């Protein structure tokens, strides 16, 4: 079992690529799957996240926007691991 994080992004987004790379490094060795979602493919997501991307969400909670907040993501993963044994 693994924890899923969702990264809202769009093609040719340098900040998105950077956050994704940093996130993968941070999650190395943890039971975490990262789902990439292109906001431009869904009008509702584009309206919600279009100017805020990249946006990282875990279990419906926005963990960070624009740049990786490593402390917030670590805290979220540690909290989920304590609660569920996953991550």
Protein backbone atom coordinates (compact mmCIF):
# COMPACT_ATOMS: atom_id res chain seq x y z
CA UNK A 1 0.00 0.00 0.00
CA UNK A 2 1.26 3.49 -0.77
CA UNK A 3 0.20 7.06 -0.22
CA UNK A 4 -0.77 9.11 -3.26
CA UNK A 5 0.19 12.72 -3.76
CA UNK A 6 -1.29 14.68 -6.67
CA UNK A 7 0.77 17.27 -8.49
CA UNK A 8 -1.29 19.65 -10.59
CA UNK A 9 0.83 20.83 -13.48
CA UNK A 10 0.86 21.66 -17.17
CA UNK A 11 3.21 20.93 -20.09
CA UNK A 12 6.31 23.09 -20.51
CA UNK A 13 6.11 24.41 -16.96
CA UNK A 14 9.62 24.81 -15.57
CA UNK A 15 8.45 25.30 -11.98
CA UNK A 16 6.32 22.17 -12.31
CA UNK A 17 9.28 20.13 -13.53
CA UNK A 18 11.48 21.43 -10.71
CA UNK A 19 8.89 20.73 -8.00
CA UNK A 20 8.34 17.23 -9.43
CA UNK A 21 12.08 16.44 -9.44
CA UNK A 22 12.53 17.77 -5.89
CA UNK A 23 9.46 15.85 -4.72
CA UNK A 24 10.71 12.57 -6.18
CA UNK A 25 14.04 13.06 -4.39
CA UNK A 26 12.27 13.84 -1.11
CA UNK A 27 10.02 10.76 -1.41
CA UNK A 28 12.78 8.33 -2.37
CA UNK A 29 12.57 5.30 -0.10
CA UNK A 30 9.01 6.05 0.97
CA UNK A 31 5.80 4.34 -0.13
CA UNK A 32 4.55 7.34 -2.11
CA UNK A 33 3.05 7.53 -5.59
CA UNK A 34 2.94 10.88 -7.38
CA UNK A 35 0.06 11.41 -9.78
CA UNK A 36 0.66 14.16 -12.34
CA UNK A 37 -2.50 15.94 -13.48
CA UNK A 38 -2.49 18.39 -16.40
CA UNK A 39 -4.86 21.19 -15.36
CA UNK A 40 -5.29 22.27 -18.98
CA UNK A 41 -7.14 19.01 -19.68
CA UNK A 42 -10.02 19.85 -17.33
CA UNK A 43 -11.81 23.23 -17.33
CA UNK A 44 -12.68 22.98 -13.62
CA UNK A 45 -9.09 22.22 -12.62
CA UNK A 46 -7.80 24.95 -14.91
CA UNK A 47 -10.13 27.46 -13.23
CA UNK A 48 -9.11 26.26 -9.76
CA UNK A 49 -5.36 25.82 -10.20
CA UNK A 50 -4.50 27.48 -13.53
CA UNK A 51 -2.49 30.43 -12.21
CA UNK A 52 -1.30 28.66 -9.05
CA UNK A 53 0.54 25.69 -10.55
CA UNK A 54 2.39 23.69 -9.61
CA UNK A 55 0.15 22.68 -6.72
CA UNK A 56 0.86 19.59 -4.61
CA UNK A 57 -2.10 17.98 -2.84
CA UNK A 58 -2.22 15.09 -0.40
CA UNK A 59 -5.57 13.68 0.72
CA UNK A 60 -7.36 16.84 -0.39
CA UNK A 61 -4.97 19.17 1.45
CA UNK A 62 -2.80 21.64 -0.47
CA UNK A 63 0.75 20.99 0.74
CA UNK A 64 2.50 23.61 -1.36
CA UNK A 65 2.23 25.82 -4.42
CA UNK A 66 4.89 27.14 -6.76
CA UNK A 67 7.88 25.59 -5.03
CA UNK A 68 8.32 22.49 -2.91
CA UNK A 69 7.80 23.12 0.78
CA UNK A 70 9.90 20.18 1.93
CA UNK A 71 9.08 20.74 5.61
CA UNK A 72 5.33 20.68 4.94
CA UNK A 73 5.56 17.56 2.78
CA UNK A 74 7.77 15.74 5.31
CA UNK A 75 5.38 16.65 8.12
CA UNK A 76 2.41 15.39 6.09
CA UNK A 77 4.16 12.12 5.21
CA UNK A 78 5.32 11.58 8.79
CA UNK A 79 1.82 12.26 10.10
CA UNK A 80 0.29 9.81 7.61
CA UNK A 81 2.91 7.18 8.46
CA UNK A 82 2.12 7.54 12.17
CA UNK A 83 -1.62 7.28 11.49
CA UNK A 84 -1.62 4.51 8.88
CA UNK A 85 1.82 2.95 8.78
CA UNK A 86 2.15 4.09 5.14
CA UNK A 87 4.70 6.55 3.72
